[in-house]
Amino acid sequence: MKGEINLILATRDDAELIHKMKYEAFLPLYERYHDDETSPAKEDVEKVIRQLQEDTTDYYLINYQGNNVGAVRIRKKPDQMIYISPLFILPEYQNKGIGFVVIQLLFSKYSQAVTWRLDTILQEKGNCHLYEKCGFIRRGKEKVINDKMTLVDYEKTVVTVRRYEDADAQAVHNLIIRNFKEVNIKDYGEKAINELVKTHDVDWVRQVASYANMYVFLHKQEIVGVGSISSFWGSETESIILTVFVLPEYHGMGIGRKIIQILEQDELFTRAERIEIPASITGTEFYRKLGYDYKNGVKELDDEGHYRLEKFQGKKEAVL
């Protein structure tokens, strides 16, 4: 089917066609949910014209077997982030796999993108399945529109993942030190960071990798993130997540969530009943949004300046 589908960059002359197709595509959803404030079926053609004129927008007609059957708008944001808003296909052409192919074509066309985002209707299970099939994951944000309809955010982070190799030690070290000096310094001060830098050298990276399952995350062959998981002092039922860092210029792109997602698929995580994270002041709220909370309900910094966070799976066991 891929060869039968083409994306044609739209111009101002296509505004009325896009508006007409958008109305036809979204009208059944509007009749189902009556989302007066958010439905694209209620938007006028002038909005399409304004979007076509935006420097940050690429609007494409979706052409299937020579027919225009829908459209997709790409919003290019800073830091290699792209929003799909909206993607629509005429009702008579839905459920033919066209949407899936369109998204794959977009991934190829915008291969420089690090993060893709979109939102969709939670109650439309087919749409949610499509985006999850394309590698998007729920970000946890929900917006209730009315008692029938909720919008949910999806995100896909385009990085490759592999296990750490010894040749990665210097790049991982540089990544961590940059975080200390450019990010963590705001919470800990220059003196404390300088002491950290002294102890966290390349050999320290190799030492952690010797007892932990360490993963590196790459974008276009550059290591942009790292994360590790180890047993907690040799325990079979407890594990600890360590060295979660992302290059500062890639912060806010969903790579941190991707790191935790991969670590939570590791055997040391799945077998554990309790998982601990020694979280920096800087990263604590990030982990709490992902389901980790203060160990034993106590919010206090340890001797190393970390908040001890934990997450339980299955039966809760007290730590002795």
C-alpha atoms as a PDB file:
ATOM      1  CA  MET A   1       0.000   0.000   0.000  1.00  0.00           C
ATOM      2  CA  LYS A   2       2.881   2.388   0.725  1.00  0.00           C
ATOM      3  CA  GLY A   3       3.500   3.083  -2.943  1.00  0.00           C
ATOM      4  CA  GLU A   4      -0.170   3.965  -3.441  1.00  0.00           C
ATOM      5  CA  ILE A   5      -0.049   6.762  -0.835  1.00  0.00           C
ATOM      6  CA  ASN A   6       1.654  10.103  -1.383  1.00  0.00           C
ATOM      7  CA  LEU A   7       1.962  13.244   0.708  1.00  0.00           C
ATOM      8  CA  ILE A   8       1.561  16.383  -1.400  1.00  0.00           C
ATOM      9  CA  LEU A   9       2.605  19.680   0.182  1.00  0.00           C
ATOM     10  CA  ALA A  10      -0.476  21.894   0.238  1.00  0.00           C
ATOM     11  CA  THR A  11      -0.638  25.550  -0.771  1.00  0.00           C
ATOM     12  CA  ARG A  12      -3.031  28.426  -0.146  1.00  0.00           C
ATOM     13  CA  ASP A  13      -5.076  27.221  -3.125  1.00  0.00           C
ATOM     14  CA  ASP A  14      -5.831  23.960  -1.265  1.00  0.00           C
ATOM     15  CA  ALA A  15      -7.401  25.664   1.768  1.00  0.00           C
ATOM     16  CA  GLU A  16     -11.025  25.101   0.764  1.00  0.00           C
ATOM     17  CA  LEU A  17     -10.392  21.454  -0.132  1.00  0.00           C
ATOM     18  CA  ILE A  18      -8.662  20.839   3.228  1.00  0.00           C
ATOM     19  CA  HIS A  19     -11.475  22.590   5.079  1.00  0.00           C
ATOM     20  CA  LYS A  20     -14.118  20.515   3.284  1.00  0.00           C
ATOM     21  CA  MET A  21     -12.349  17.204   3.951  1.00  0.00           C
ATOM     22  CA  LYS A  22     -11.696  18.135   7.570  1.00  0.00           C
ATOM     23  CA  TYR A  23     -15.377  18.895   8.105  1.00  0.00           C
ATOM     24  CA  GLU A  24     -16.430  15.574   6.568  1.00  0.00           C
ATOM     25  CA  ALA A  25     -13.818  13.613   8.534  1.00  0.00           C
ATOM     26  CA  PHE A  26     -14.575  15.145  11.942  1.00  0.00           C
ATOM     27  CA  LEU A  27     -18.359  15.567  11.662  1.00  0.00           C
ATOM     28  CA  PRO A  28     -19.106  11.981  12.863  1.00  0.00           C
ATOM     29  CA  LEU A  29     -16.929  12.591  15.926  1.00  0.00           C
ATOM     30  CA  TYR A  30     -18.630  15.906  16.619  1.00  0.00           C
ATOM     31  CA  GLU A  31     -22.047  14.247  16.412  1.00  0.00           C
ATOM     32  CA  ARG A  32     -20.817  11.618  18.886  1.00  0.00           C
ATOM     33  CA  TYR A  33     -19.154  13.910  21.421  1.00  0.00           C
ATOM     34  CA  HIS A  34     -20.608  17.421  20.809  1.00  0.00           C
ATOM     35  CA  ASP A  35     -17.228  19.004  21.531  1.00  0.00           C
ATOM     36  CA  ASP A  36     -18.204  22.496  20.397  1.00  0.00           C
ATOM     37  CA  GLU A  37     -15.059  24.213  21.649  1.00  0.00           C
ATOM     38  CA  THR A  38     -12.487  21.767  20.266  1.00  0.00           C
ATOM     39  CA  SER A  39     -13.952  20.009  17.222  1.00  0.00           C
ATOM     40  CA  PRO A  40     -12.114  20.693  13.945  1.00  0.00           C
ATOM     41  CA  ALA A  41     -15.512  20.277  12.272  1.00  0.00           C
ATOM     42  CA  LYS A  42     -16.489  23.636  13.793  1.00  0.00           C
ATOM     43  CA  GLU A  43     -13.442  25.514  12.465  1.00  0.00           C
ATOM     44  CA  ASP A  44     -13.751  27.943   9.553  1.00  0.00           C
ATOM     45  CA  VAL A  45     -11.692  27.996   6.381  1.00  0.00           C
ATOM     46  CA  GLU A  46      -9.840  31.115   7.558  1.00  0.00           C
ATOM     47  CA  LYS A  47      -8.114  29.022  10.226  1.00  0.00           C
ATOM     48  CA  VAL A  48      -6.817  26.650   7.564  1.00  0.00           C
ATOM     49  CA  ILE A  49      -5.543  29.615   5.557  1.00  0.00           C
ATOM     50  CA  ARG A  50      -3.710  31.020   8.586  1.00  0.00           C
ATOM     51  CA  GLN A  51      -2.119  27.640   9.280  1.00  0.00           C
ATOM     52  CA  LEU A  52      -0.983  27.254   5.681  1.00  0.00           C
ATOM     53  CA  GLN A  53       0.758  30.615   5.949  1.00  0.00           C
ATOM     54  CA  GLU A  54       2.675  29.743   9.145  1.00  0.00           C
ATOM     55  CA  ASP A  55       6.418  29.286   8.740  1.00  0.00           C
ATOM     56  CA  THR A  56       6.320  26.457  11.302  1.00  0.00           C
ATOM     57  CA  THR A  57       3.521  24.534   9.533  1.00  0.00           C
ATOM     58  CA  ASP A  58       3.717  21.997   6.718  1.00  0.00           C
ATOM     59  CA  TYR A  59       0.273  20.872   5.551  1.00  0.00           C
ATOM     60  CA  TYR A  60       0.033  17.805   3.301  1.00  0.00           C
ATOM     61  CA  LEU A  61      -2.761  16.394   1.226  1.00  0.00           C
ATOM     62  CA  ILE A  62      -3.011  12.612   1.609  1.00  0.00           C
ATOM     63  CA  ASN A  63      -3.335  11.149  -1.861  1.00  0.00           C
ATOM     64  CA  TYR A  64      -4.439   7.511  -2.147  1.00  0.00           C
ATOM     65  CA  GLN A  65      -4.629   5.854  -5.577  1.00  0.00           C
ATOM     66  CA  GLY A  66      -4.833   9.281  -7.208  1.00  0.00           C
ATOM     67  CA  ASN A  67      -7.540  10.627  -4.897  1.00  0.00           C
ATOM     68  CA  ASN A  68      -7.188  13.215  -2.134  1.00  0.00           C
ATOM     69  CA  VAL A  69      -8.584  11.370   0.887  1.00  0.00           C
ATOM     70  CA  GLY A  70      -7.450  13.533   3.811  1.00  0.00           C
ATOM     71  CA  ALA A  71      -4.703  15.757   5.103  1.00  0.00           C
ATOM     72  CA  VAL A  72      -2.145  16.065   7.861  1.00  0.00           C
ATOM     73  CA  ARG A  73      -0.634  19.144   9.452  1.00  0.00           C
ATOM     74  CA  ILE A  74       2.907  19.144  10.844  1.00  0.00           C
ATOM     75  CA  ARG A  75       3.873  21.791  13.398  1.00  0.00           C
ATOM     76  CA  LYS A  76       7.640  22.185  13.709  1.00  0.00           C
ATOM     77  CA  LYS A  77       8.650  23.223  17.210  1.00  0.00           C
ATOM     78  CA  PRO A  78      12.110  24.157  18.549  1.00  0.00           C
ATOM     79  CA  ASP A  79      14.608  21.489  19.598  1.00  0.00           C
ATOM     80  CA  GLN A  80      13.669  18.989  16.869  1.00  0.00           C
ATOM     81  CA  MET A  81      10.145  18.446  18.187  1.00  0.00           C
ATOM     82  CA  ILE A  82       7.178  17.916  15.862  1.00  0.00           C
ATOM     83  CA  TYR A  83       3.440  17.924  16.535  1.00  0.00           C
ATOM     84  CA  ILE A  84       0.910  16.138  14.346  1.00  0.00           C
ATOM     85  CA  SER A  85      -2.188  18.317  14.536  1.00  0.00           C
ATOM     86  CA  PRO A  86      -4.450  17.216  12.940  1.00  0.00           C
ATOM     87  CA  LEU A  87      -4.366  14.008  10.891  1.00  0.00           C
ATOM     88  CA  PHE A  88      -7.679  13.152   9.237  1.00  0.00           C
ATOM     89  CA  ILE A  89      -8.998  10.799   6.577  1.00  0.00           C
ATOM     90  CA  LEU A  90     -12.396  10.848   4.889  1.00  0.00           C
ATOM     91  CA  PRO A  91     -14.828   8.345   6.467  1.00  0.00           C
ATOM     92  CA  GLU A  92     -15.105   6.160   3.355  1.00  0.00           C
ATOM     93  CA  TYR A  93     -11.319   5.661   3.326  1.00  0.00           C
ATOM     94  CA  GLN A  94     -10.865   4.937   7.015  1.00  0.00           C
ATOM     95  CA  ASN A  95      -9.854   1.499   8.350  1.00  0.00           C
ATOM     96  CA  LYS A  96      -7.735   0.763   5.271  1.00  0.00           C
ATOM     97  CA  GLY A  97      -4.339   1.246   6.962  1.00  0.00           C
ATOM     98  CA  ILE A  98      -3.813   4.649   5.340  1.00  0.00           C
ATOM     99  CA  GLY A  99      -3.155   6.442   8.632  1.00  0.00           C
ATOM    100  CA  PHE A 100      -0.399   4.014   9.581  1.00  0.00           C
ATOM    101  CA  VAL A 101       1.385   4.474   6.250  1.00  0.00           C
ATOM    102  CA  VAL A 102       1.036   8.261   6.459  1.00  0.00           C
ATOM    103  CA  ILE A 103       2.753   8.312   9.851  1.00  0.00           C
ATOM    104  CA  GLN A 104       5.596   6.124   8.551  1.00  0.00           C
ATOM    105  CA  LEU A 105       6.044   8.495   5.603  1.00  0.00           C
ATOM    106  CA  LEU A 106       6.212  11.425   8.029  1.00  0.00           C
ATOM    107  CA  PHE A 107       8.827   9.674  10.142  1.00  0.00           C
ATOM    108  CA  SER A 108      10.928   9.231   7.009  1.00  0.00           C
ATOM    109  CA  LYS A 109      10.373  12.774   5.731  1.00  0.00           C
ATOM    110  CA  TYR A 110      11.277  14.350   9.106  1.00  0.00           C
ATOM    111  CA  SER A 111      14.055  11.984  10.091  1.00  0.00           C
ATOM    112  CA  GLN A 112      15.840  14.777  11.981  1.00  0.00           C
ATOM    113  CA  ALA A 113      13.052  14.923  14.581  1.00  0.00           C
ATOM    114  CA  VAL A 114      13.812  13.668  18.075  1.00  0.00           C
ATOM    115  CA  THR A 115      10.305  13.875  19.530  1.00  0.00           C
ATOM    116  CA  TRP A 116       6.838  13.515  18.004  1.00  0.00           C
ATOM    117  CA  ARG A 117       3.683  14.529  19.861  1.00  0.00           C
ATOM    118  CA  LEU A 118      -0.052  14.498  19.216  1.00  0.00           C
ATOM    119  CA  ASP A 119      -3.316  14.231  21.073  1.00  0.00           C
ATOM    120  CA  THR A 120      -6.374  12.122  20.388  1.00  0.00           C
ATOM    121  CA  ILE A 121      -9.695  11.157  21.914  1.00  0.00           C
ATOM    122  CA  LEU A 122      -9.319   8.596  24.691  1.00  0.00           C
ATOM    123  CA  GLN A 123     -12.691   7.031  23.866  1.00  0.00           C
ATOM    124  CA  GLU A 124     -11.636   6.377  20.244  1.00  0.00           C
ATOM    125  CA  LYS A 125      -9.840   3.094  20.854  1.00  0.00           C
ATOM    126  CA  GLY A 126      -9.008   2.618  17.177  1.00  0.00           C
ATOM    127  CA  ASN A 127      -7.081   5.891  17.067  1.00  0.00           C
ATOM    128  CA  CYS A 128      -5.235   5.073  20.294  1.00  0.00           C
ATOM    129  CA  HIS A 129      -4.322   1.646  18.896  1.00  0.00           C
ATOM    130  CA  LEU A 130      -3.012   3.211  15.667  1.00  0.00           C
ATOM    131  CA  TYR A 131      -0.695   5.610  17.464  1.00  0.00           C
ATOM    132  CA  GLU A 132       0.533   2.961  19.891  1.00  0.00           C
ATOM    133  CA  LYS A 133       1.225   0.674  16.918  1.00  0.00           C
ATOM    134  CA  CYS A 134       3.371   3.491  15.502  1.00  0.00           C
ATOM    135  CA  GLY A 135       5.411   3.631  18.703  1.00  0.00           C
ATOM    136  CA  PHE A 136       3.704   6.483  20.539  1.00  0.00           C
ATOM    137  CA  ILE A 137       3.215   6.184  24.289  1.00  0.00           C
ATOM    138  CA  ARG A 138       0.787   7.947  26.602  1.00  0.00           C
ATOM    139  CA  ARG A 139       2.340  10.908  28.407  1.00  0.00           C
ATOM    140  CA  GLY A 140      -0.158  10.751  31.254  1.00  0.00           C
ATOM    141  CA  LYS A 141      -1.786  14.090  30.506  1.00  0.00           C
ATOM    142  CA  GLU A 142      -5.555  14.094  30.083  1.00  0.00           C
ATOM    143  CA  LYS A 143      -7.945  16.933  29.346  1.00  0.00           C
ATOM    144  CA  VAL A 144     -11.633  16.316  30.023  1.00  0.00           C
ATOM    145  CA  ILE A 145     -13.675  18.105  27.357  1.00  0.00           C
ATOM    146  CA  ASN A 146     -17.092  16.950  28.548  1.00  0.00           C
ATOM    147  CA  ASP A 147     -18.688  13.929  30.216  1.00  0.00           C
ATOM    148  CA  LYS A 148     -18.313  11.925  26.981  1.00  0.00           C
ATOM    149  CA  MET A 149     -14.894  12.946  25.733  1.00  0.00           C
ATOM    150  CA  THR A 150     -11.322  13.171  27.061  1.00  0.00           C
ATOM    151  CA  LEU A 151      -8.225  14.189  25.131  1.00  0.00           C
ATOM    152  CA  VAL A 152      -4.967  12.336  25.833  1.00  0.00           C
ATOM    153  CA  ASP A 153      -1.406  13.215  24.852  1.00  0.00           C
ATOM    154  CA  TYR A 154       0.872  10.802  23.018  1.00  0.00           C
ATOM    155  CA  GLU A 155       4.608  11.026  22.443  1.00  0.00           C
ATOM    156  CA  LYS A 156       7.244   9.140  20.464  1.00  0.00           C
ATOM    157  CA  THR A 157      10.936   9.688  21.121  1.00  0.00           C
ATOM    158  CA  VAL A 158      13.145   8.717  18.198  1.00  0.00           C
ATOM    159  CA  VAL A 159      16.266   7.293  19.798  1.00  0.00           C
ATOM    160  CA  THR A 160      17.947   3.934  19.438  1.00  0.00           C
ATOM    161  CA  VAL A 161      18.868   1.926  22.508  1.00  0.00           C
ATOM    162  CA  ARG A 162      21.603  -0.579  23.151  1.00  0.00           C
ATOM    163  CA  ARG A 163      23.592  -1.957  26.055  1.00  0.00           C
ATOM    164  CA  TYR A 164      26.632  -0.005  27.159  1.00  0.00           C
ATOM    165  CA  GLU A 165      30.012  -0.961  25.715  1.00  0.00           C
ATOM    166  CA  ASP A 166      33.369  -0.079  27.210  1.00  0.00           C
ATOM    167  CA  ALA A 167      34.118   2.238  24.291  1.00  0.00           C
ATOM    168  CA  ASP A 168      31.163   4.383  25.464  1.00  0.00           C
ATOM    169  CA  ALA A 169      32.800   5.263  28.785  1.00  0.00           C
ATOM    170  CA  GLN A 170      34.218   8.641  27.784  1.00  0.00           C
ATOM    171  CA  ALA A 171      31.033   9.820  26.045  1.00  0.00           C
ATOM    172  CA  VAL A 172      28.890   8.734  29.005  1.00  0.00           C
ATOM    173  CA  HIS A 173      31.276  10.472  31.407  1.00  0.00           C
ATOM    174  CA  ASN A 174      31.140  13.701  29.390  1.00  0.00           C
ATOM    175  CA  LEU A 175      27.334  13.555  29.310  1.00  0.00           C
ATOM    176  CA  ILE A 176      27.097  13.159  33.091  1.00  0.00           C
ATOM    177  CA  ILE A 177      29.624  15.901  33.843  1.00  0.00           C
ATOM    178  CA  ARG A 178      27.786  18.319  31.561  1.00  0.00           C
ATOM    179  CA  ASN A 179      24.596  17.670  33.542  1.00  0.00           C
ATOM    180  CA  PHE A 180      26.420  18.309  36.805  1.00  0.00           C
ATOM    181  CA  LYS A 181      27.894  21.591  35.565  1.00  0.00           C
ATOM    182  CA  GLU A 182      24.954  22.898  33.523  1.00  0.00           C
ATOM    183  CA  VAL A 183      21.875  21.537  35.298  1.00  0.00           C
ATOM    184  CA  ASN A 184      22.459  20.184  38.804  1.00  0.00           C
ATOM    185  CA  ILE A 185      24.636  23.138  39.767  1.00  0.00           C
ATOM    186  CA  LYS A 186      21.476  25.244  40.079  1.00  0.00           C
ATOM    187  CA  ASP A 187      20.320  23.106  43.021  1.00  0.00           C
ATOM    188  CA  TYR A 188      23.652  22.166  44.615  1.00  0.00           C
ATOM    189  CA  GLY A 189      26.012  25.063  44.014  1.00  0.00           C
ATOM    190  CA  GLU A 190      29.453  25.216  42.445  1.00  0.00           C
ATOM    191  CA  LYS A 191      31.418  23.837  45.392  1.00  0.00           C
ATOM    192  CA  ALA A 192      29.362  20.644  45.705  1.00  0.00           C
ATOM    193  CA  ILE A 193      29.415  20.073  41.953  1.00  0.00           C
ATOM    194  CA  ASN A 194      33.189  20.465  41.791  1.00  0.00           C
ATOM    195  CA  GLU A 195      33.497  17.729  44.406  1.00  0.00           C
ATOM    196  CA  LEU A 196      31.189  15.469  42.391  1.00  0.00           C
ATOM    197  CA  VAL A 197      33.228  16.011  39.253  1.00  0.00           C
ATOM    198  CA  LYS A 198      36.374  14.855  41.071  1.00  0.00           C
ATOM    199  CA  THR A 199      34.848  11.497  42.034  1.00  0.00           C
ATOM    200  CA  HIS A 200      32.803  10.815  38.883  1.00  0.00           C
ATOM    201  CA  ASP A 201      35.547  10.103  36.379  1.00  0.00           C
ATOM    202  CA  VAL A 202      35.682   7.636  33.477  1.00  0.00           C
ATOM    203  CA  ASP A 203      36.720   4.821  35.796  1.00  0.00           C
ATOM    204  CA  TRP A 204      33.631   5.496  37.924  1.00  0.00           C
ATOM    205  CA  VAL A 205      31.462   5.012  34.824  1.00  0.00           C
ATOM    206  CA  ARG A 206      33.180   1.706  34.112  1.00  0.00           C
ATOM    207  CA  GLN A 207      32.715   0.636  37.716  1.00  0.00           C
ATOM    208  CA  VAL A 208      28.957   1.258  37.618  1.00  0.00           C
ATOM    209  CA  ALA A 209      28.723  -0.598  34.295  1.00  0.00           C
ATOM    210  CA  SER A 210      30.549  -3.559  35.845  1.00  0.00           C
ATOM    211  CA  TYR A 211      27.726  -4.322  38.299  1.00  0.00           C
ATOM    212  CA  ALA A 212      24.684  -2.669  36.693  1.00  0.00           C
ATOM    213  CA  ASN A 213      22.809  -3.170  33.442  1.00  0.00           C
ATOM    214  CA  MET A 214      23.666   0.095  31.714  1.00  0.00           C
ATOM    215  CA  TYR A 215      21.956   1.315  28.534  1.00  0.00           C
ATOM    216  CA  VAL A 216      22.921   4.120  26.173  1.00  0.00           C
ATOM    217  CA  PHE A 217      20.440   6.062  24.058  1.00  0.00           C
ATOM    218  CA  LEU A 218      21.525   7.439  20.706  1.00  0.00           C
ATOM    219  CA  HIS A 219      20.239   9.950  18.202  1.00  0.00           C
ATOM    220  CA  LYS A 220      22.023   9.772  14.855  1.00  0.00           C
ATOM    221  CA  GLN A 221      24.863   7.775  16.437  1.00  0.00           C
ATOM    222  CA  GLU A 222      25.444  10.336  19.224  1.00  0.00           C
ATOM    223  CA  ILE A 223      24.952   9.189  22.809  1.00  0.00           C
ATOM    224  CA  VAL A 224      22.277  11.533  24.173  1.00  0.00           C
ATOM    225  CA  GLY A 225      21.182   9.594  27.259  1.00  0.00           C
ATOM    226  CA  VAL A 226      22.192   6.891  29.718  1.00  0.00           C
ATOM    227  CA  GLY A 227      20.483   4.861  32.412  1.00  0.00           C
ATOM    228  CA  SER A 228      21.341   1.872  34.615  1.00  0.00           C
ATOM    229  CA  ILE A 229      19.631  -0.623  36.877  1.00  0.00           C
ATOM    230  CA  SER A 230      21.237  -2.924  39.435  1.00  0.00           C
ATOM    231  CA  SER A 231      20.135  -5.274  42.155  1.00  0.00           C
ATOM    232  CA  PHE A 232      19.830  -3.493  45.501  1.00  0.00           C
ATOM    233  CA  TRP A 233      22.821  -4.763  47.484  1.00  0.00           C
ATOM    234  CA  GLY A 234      22.518  -8.187  45.845  1.00  0.00           C
ATOM    235  CA  SER A 235      18.809  -8.603  46.594  1.00  0.00           C
ATOM    236  CA  GLU A 236      16.661 -10.842  44.376  1.00  0.00           C
ATOM    237  CA  THR A 237      13.524  -8.816  45.162  1.00  0.00           C
ATOM    238  CA  GLU A 238      14.811  -5.242  45.207  1.00  0.00           C
ATOM    239  CA  SER A 239      16.572  -3.193  42.543  1.00  0.00           C
ATOM    240  CA  ILE A 240      17.928   0.322  42.185  1.00  0.00           C
ATOM    241  CA  ILE A 241      17.904   2.702  39.204  1.00  0.00           C
ATOM    242  CA  LEU A 242      21.087   4.719  38.711  1.00  0.00           C
ATOM    243  CA  THR A 243      22.830   7.177  36.356  1.00  0.00           C
ATOM    244  CA  VAL A 244      19.794   8.516  34.499  1.00  0.00           C
ATOM    245  CA  PHE A 245      21.092  11.466  32.492  1.00  0.00           C
ATOM    246  CA  VAL A 246      20.231  13.192  29.206  1.00  0.00           C
ATOM    247  CA  LEU A 247      22.392  15.665  27.302  1.00  0.00           C
ATOM    248  CA  PRO A 248      21.228  19.147  28.380  1.00  0.00           C
ATOM    249  CA  GLU A 249      20.282  20.236  24.862  1.00  0.00           C
ATOM    250  CA  TYR A 250      17.988  17.203  24.610  1.00  0.00           C
ATOM    251  CA  HIS A 251      16.112  17.862  27.855  1.00  0.00           C
ATOM    252  CA  GLY A 252      12.336  18.136  27.514  1.00  0.00           C
ATOM    253  CA  MET A 253      12.153  15.828  24.499  1.00  0.00           C
ATOM    254  CA  GLY A 254      10.859  12.739  26.273  1.00  0.00           C
ATOM    255  CA  ILE A 255      14.206  10.938  26.357  1.00  0.00           C
ATOM    256  CA  GLY A 256      14.143  10.708  30.149  1.00  0.00           C
ATOM    257  CA  ARG A 257      10.781   8.953  30.015  1.00  0.00           C
ATOM    258  CA  LYS A 258      12.188   6.646  27.332  1.00  0.00           C
ATOM    259  CA  ILE A 259      15.116   5.759  29.598  1.00  0.00           C
ATOM    260  CA  ILE A 260      12.815   4.829  32.473  1.00  0.00           C
ATOM    261  CA  GLN A 261      10.577   2.868  30.099  1.00  0.00           C
ATOM    262  CA  ILE A 262      13.555   0.760  28.954  1.00  0.00           C
ATOM    263  CA  LEU A 263      14.875   0.253  32.477  1.00  0.00           C
ATOM    264  CA  GLU A 264      11.422  -0.882  33.590  1.00  0.00           C
ATOM    265  CA  GLN A 265      11.563  -3.604  30.941  1.00  0.00           C
ATOM    266  CA  ASP A 266      14.887  -4.956  32.241  1.00  0.00           C
ATOM    267  CA  GLU A 267      14.832  -8.270  34.102  1.00  0.00           C
ATOM    268  CA  LEU A 268      16.211  -6.623  37.240  1.00  0.00           C
ATOM    269  CA  PHE A 269      13.137  -4.401  37.285  1.00  0.00           C
ATOM    270  CA  THR A 270      10.473  -6.953  36.343  1.00  0.00           C
ATOM    271  CA  ARG A 271      11.606  -9.457  39.004  1.00  0.00           C
ATOM    272  CA  ALA A 272      11.760  -6.848  41.765  1.00  0.00           C
ATOM    273  CA  GLU A 273       9.039  -6.152  44.302  1.00  0.00           C
ATOM    274  CA  ARG A 274      10.578  -2.802  45.204  1.00  0.00           C
ATOM    275  CA  ILE A 275      12.659  -0.410  43.115  1.00  0.00           C
ATOM    276  CA  GLU A 276      14.613   2.479  44.603  1.00  0.00           C
ATOM    277  CA  ILE A 277      15.982   5.636  43.004  1.00  0.00           C
ATOM    278  CA  PRO A 278      18.470   8.005  44.637  1.00  0.00           C
ATOM    279  CA  ALA A 279      17.063  11.129  43.000  1.00  0.00           C
ATOM    280  CA  SER A 280      18.775  14.484  42.723  1.00  0.00           C
ATOM    281  CA  ILE A 281      16.831  17.544  43.807  1.00  0.00           C
ATOM    282  CA  THR A 282      16.670  18.423  40.119  1.00  0.00           C
ATOM    283  CA  GLY A 283      15.129  15.122  39.028  1.00  0.00           C
ATOM    284  CA  THR A 284      12.817  14.277  41.915  1.00  0.00           C
ATOM    285  CA  GLU A 285       9.567  15.609  40.453  1.00  0.00           C
ATOM    286  CA  PHE A 286      10.301  13.907  37.137  1.00  0.00           C
ATOM    287  CA  TYR A 287      10.449  10.506  38.866  1.00  0.00           C
ATOM    288  CA  ARG A 288       7.406  11.222  41.011  1.00  0.00           C
ATOM    289  CA  LYS A 289       5.356  11.842  37.865  1.00  0.00           C
ATOM    290  CA  LEU A 290       6.370   8.330  36.761  1.00  0.00           C
ATOM    291  CA  GLY A 291       5.025   6.673  39.894  1.00  0.00           C
ATOM    292  CA  TYR A 292       7.981   6.824  42.286  1.00  0.00           C
ATOM    293  CA  ASP A 293       7.527   8.435  45.686  1.00  0.00           C
ATOM    294  CA  TYR A 294       9.483   9.215  48.825  1.00  0.00           C
ATOM    295  CA  LYS A 295      10.867   6.139  50.554  1.00  0.00           C
ATOM    296  CA  ASN A 296       8.723   5.246  53.570  1.00  0.00           C
ATOM    297  CA  GLY A 297       6.808   8.465  52.896  1.00  0.00           C
ATOM    298  CA  VAL A 298       9.704  10.570  54.204  1.00  0.00           C
ATOM    299  CA  LYS A 299      10.933  13.572  52.217  1.00  0.00           C
ATOM    300  CA  GLU A 300      14.492  14.229  53.303  1.00  0.00           C
ATOM    301  CA  LEU A 301      17.882  14.460  51.652  1.00  0.00           C
ATOM    302  CA  ASP A 302      20.416  11.729  52.406  1.00  0.00           C
ATOM    303  CA  ASP A 303      24.113  12.317  53.048  1.00  0.00           C
ATOM    304  CA  GLU A 304      24.780  12.472  49.294  1.00  0.00           C
ATOM    305  CA  GLY A 305      22.109  15.104  48.664  1.00  0.00           C
ATOM    306  CA  HIS A 306      19.563  12.692  47.184  1.00  0.00           C
ATOM    307  CA  TYR A 307      15.923  12.077  47.898  1.00  0.00           C
ATOM    308  CA  ARG A 308      15.372   8.330  48.203  1.00  0.00           C
ATOM    309  CA  LEU A 309      12.365   7.371  46.086  1.00  0.00           C
ATOM    310  CA  GLU A 310      10.734   3.982  45.626  1.00  0.00           C
ATOM    311  CA  LYS A 311       8.087   2.121  43.671  1.00  0.00           C
ATOM    312  CA  PHE A 312       6.457  -1.184  44.612  1.00  0.00           C
ATOM    313  CA  GLN A 313       5.272  -4.017  42.405  1.00  0.00           C
ATOM    314  CA  GLY A 314       3.033  -6.719  43.779  1.00  0.00           C
ATOM    315  CA  LYS A 315       3.422  -7.428  47.495  1.00  0.00           C
ATOM    316  CA  LYS A 316       5.016  -4.627  49.489  1.00  0.00           C
ATOM    317  CA  GLU A 317       7.978  -5.674  51.582  1.00  0.00           C
ATOM    318  CA  ALA A 318       9.545  -3.595  54.283  1.00  0.00           C
ATOM    319  CA  VAL A 319      13.231  -2.862  53.781  1.00  0.00           C
ATOM    320  CA  LEU A 320      15.293  -4.215  56.676  1.00  0.00           C
END
